[in-house]
Amino acid sequence: MGFDTYAPSTGDFGTAWLLAIIVPLIFALVLGIVQIIVTVWVYKNAKKNNIDSPGLWALLCFFIPFPIGLIIYIVVRNGKKKEVVSGGKFCPTCGTAVNGPGFCPSCGGKV
């Protein structure tokens, strides 16, 4: 009356270890690198576009999970660009810089 026990071979344990530990670690590492790249990009982009507190935006994008923080930044950034366009510095139709009131030199749209 013997009990049949399954003794995993070395190959079975190596595969299970790889799938259970190494693959999630690699995934987390890649996700962390992407998070850092997005944070640096948000900081540089906010600074370039003269958006208030670029460091705060970078921290927001770093601590909020990857796509959500980036989406919030892009929505707010596009809203800030529309405020600049309505100020008369750029054509609301094509985005070309306009020196004075009147018509856009590029598309002829009213500014």
Protein backbone atom coordinates (compact mmCIF):
# COMPACT_ATOMS: atom_id res chain seq x y z
CA MET A 1 0.00 0.00 0.00
CA GLY A 2 2.38 2.64 -1.18
CA PHE A 3 1.62 6.23 -1.81
CA ASP A 4 2.54 7.54 -5.18
CA THR A 5 4.16 10.89 -4.80
CA TYR A 6 5.16 13.21 -7.53
CA ALA A 7 8.67 14.49 -7.23
CA PRO A 8 9.20 17.34 -9.64
CA SER A 9 12.27 17.15 -11.76
CA THR A 10 14.78 19.97 -11.84
CA GLY A 11 13.37 21.21 -15.15
CA ASP A 12 9.83 21.55 -13.76
CA PHE A 13 10.99 23.57 -10.75
CA GLY A 14 13.14 25.85 -12.92
CA THR A 15 10.22 26.68 -15.21
CA ALA A 16 7.84 27.34 -12.33
CA TRP A 17 10.41 29.58 -10.63
CA LEU A 18 10.93 31.49 -13.86
CA LEU A 19 7.24 32.05 -14.39
CA ALA A 20 6.41 32.86 -10.78
CA ILE A 21 9.27 35.19 -9.90
CA ILE A 22 11.38 36.34 -12.83
CA VAL A 23 8.62 37.29 -15.30
CA PRO A 24 6.73 39.57 -12.83
CA LEU A 25 10.01 41.18 -11.79
CA ILE A 26 10.89 41.94 -15.40
CA PHE A 27 7.39 43.30 -16.01
CA ALA A 28 7.63 45.55 -12.92
CA LEU A 29 11.07 46.76 -13.98
CA VAL A 30 9.89 47.65 -17.49
CA LEU A 31 6.80 49.39 -16.10
CA GLY A 32 8.98 51.37 -13.67
CA ILE A 33 11.29 52.46 -16.48
CA VAL A 34 8.31 53.56 -18.58
CA GLN A 35 6.96 55.48 -15.56
CA ILE A 36 10.26 57.34 -15.15
CA ILE A 37 10.48 58.15 -18.88
CA VAL A 38 6.92 59.52 -18.86
CA THR A 39 7.65 61.58 -15.73
CA VAL A 40 10.74 63.16 -17.31
CA TRP A 41 8.82 63.85 -20.54
CA VAL A 42 5.95 65.50 -18.64
CA TYR A 43 8.39 67.73 -16.72
CA LYS A 44 10.23 68.83 -19.88
CA ASN A 45 7.00 69.32 -21.83
CA ALA A 46 5.37 71.35 -19.05
CA LYS A 47 8.47 73.52 -18.78
CA LYS A 48 8.60 74.03 -22.57
CA ASN A 49 4.92 74.99 -22.73
CA ASN A 50 5.20 77.36 -19.72
CA ILE A 51 2.65 75.41 -17.71
CA ASP A 52 2.57 76.33 -14.01
CA SER A 53 4.54 74.04 -11.65
CA PRO A 54 6.20 71.53 -14.01
CA GLY A 55 7.71 69.74 -10.98
CA LEU A 56 4.27 69.23 -9.48
CA TRP A 57 3.00 67.80 -12.77
CA ALA A 58 5.96 65.43 -12.88
CA LEU A 59 5.24 64.23 -9.34
CA LEU A 60 1.57 63.80 -10.19
CA CYS A 61 2.43 61.65 -13.20
CA PHE A 62 4.95 59.65 -11.16
CA PHE A 63 2.63 58.79 -8.27
CA ILE A 64 -0.58 58.25 -10.25
CA PRO A 65 -0.50 54.97 -12.22
CA PHE A 66 1.03 55.27 -15.69
CA PRO A 67 -1.72 55.99 -18.18
CA ILE A 68 -4.01 57.92 -15.82
CA GLY A 69 -1.51 60.64 -14.80
CA LEU A 70 -0.37 61.09 -18.40
CA ILE A 71 -3.96 61.45 -19.63
CA ILE A 72 -4.73 64.05 -16.94
CA TYR A 73 -1.63 66.04 -17.92
CA ILE A 74 -2.45 65.94 -21.65
CA VAL A 75 -6.05 67.07 -21.07
CA VAL A 76 -4.95 69.98 -18.86
CA ARG A 77 -2.10 70.89 -21.21
CA ASN A 78 -4.44 71.06 -24.20
CA GLY A 79 -6.78 73.30 -22.19
CA LYS A 80 -3.87 75.64 -21.40
CA LYS A 81 -2.90 75.80 -25.10
CA LYS A 82 -6.45 76.83 -26.02
CA GLU A 83 -6.23 79.69 -23.49
CA VAL A 84 -3.06 80.94 -25.19
CA VAL A 85 -4.67 80.69 -28.64
CA SER A 86 -7.71 82.65 -27.52
CA GLY A 87 -5.34 85.37 -26.25
CA GLY A 88 -4.59 86.33 -29.87
CA LYS A 89 -1.01 85.07 -30.12
CA PHE A 90 -1.84 82.17 -32.43
CA CYS A 91 -4.43 81.53 -35.13
CA PRO A 92 -7.32 79.50 -33.68
CA THR A 93 -7.73 77.67 -37.00
CA CYS A 94 -4.20 76.56 -37.93
CA GLY A 95 -2.06 77.55 -34.93
CA THR A 96 0.27 79.88 -36.83
CA ALA A 97 1.77 82.77 -34.85
CA VAL A 98 0.06 86.08 -35.64
CA ASN A 99 1.72 89.42 -34.89
CA GLY A 100 -1.33 91.63 -34.77
CA PRO A 101 -5.12 91.54 -34.95
CA GLY A 102 -6.81 90.81 -38.21
CA PHE A 103 -6.26 87.79 -40.39
CA CYS A 104 -3.84 84.86 -40.25
CA PRO A 105 -1.05 85.11 -42.84
CA SER A 106 -1.06 81.32 -43.30
CA CYS A 107 -4.72 80.27 -43.66
CA GLY A 108 -6.52 83.64 -43.89
CA GLY A 109 -8.68 82.88 -40.84
CA LYS A 110 -9.93 85.72 -38.68
CA VAL A 111 -7.90 86.22 -35.50
